[in-house]
Amino acid sequence: MKSVEKVLYWTPRLVCIAAILFVSIFAMDAFSPGTALYKQILAFLIHLIPSFLLTAILVFAWKKEFAGGILFIIIGIVFSIMVYNLNYDRTHSVWISLGIIASITIPFILVGVLFLAHNNMMKRTHI
């Protein structure tokens, strides 16, 4: 595998894993003192549902780069709108809302674009 091809192969996968781990950190909100342990664990698992779904999409995209890339771009755009609206309603700050989008949803759009770029490169070099 050429070095550029290796970079384009591994970068979206590693960025996606890092982004999923970052999103998973927010599930720690489920733990609070004074709540029964089983309720905290159940809430923790519920908070991890987005991470489980993103992991499933990553597994799919690992083999089906074109479809996975499209899915990640759609997810990134849809969640950007949702996250922006949610945070703007809370903070009434465009800049804070854009900063949150940049850290949470933009990486998934980048992952999608990188999957598509690698898929395109593979088509061109293997024809």
Foldseek 3Di string as FASTA:
>chain_A
DDPVLVCLLCVLLVLLVVLLVVQLVVLQVLDDPPDDPVSSVVSSVVSSVVSVVSVVLSVVCNVVLLVSLVVLLVQLVVVLVVQLVVVCVVPVDNVVSVVVSVSRRVSSNVSSVSSVVSVVVCVVVVD
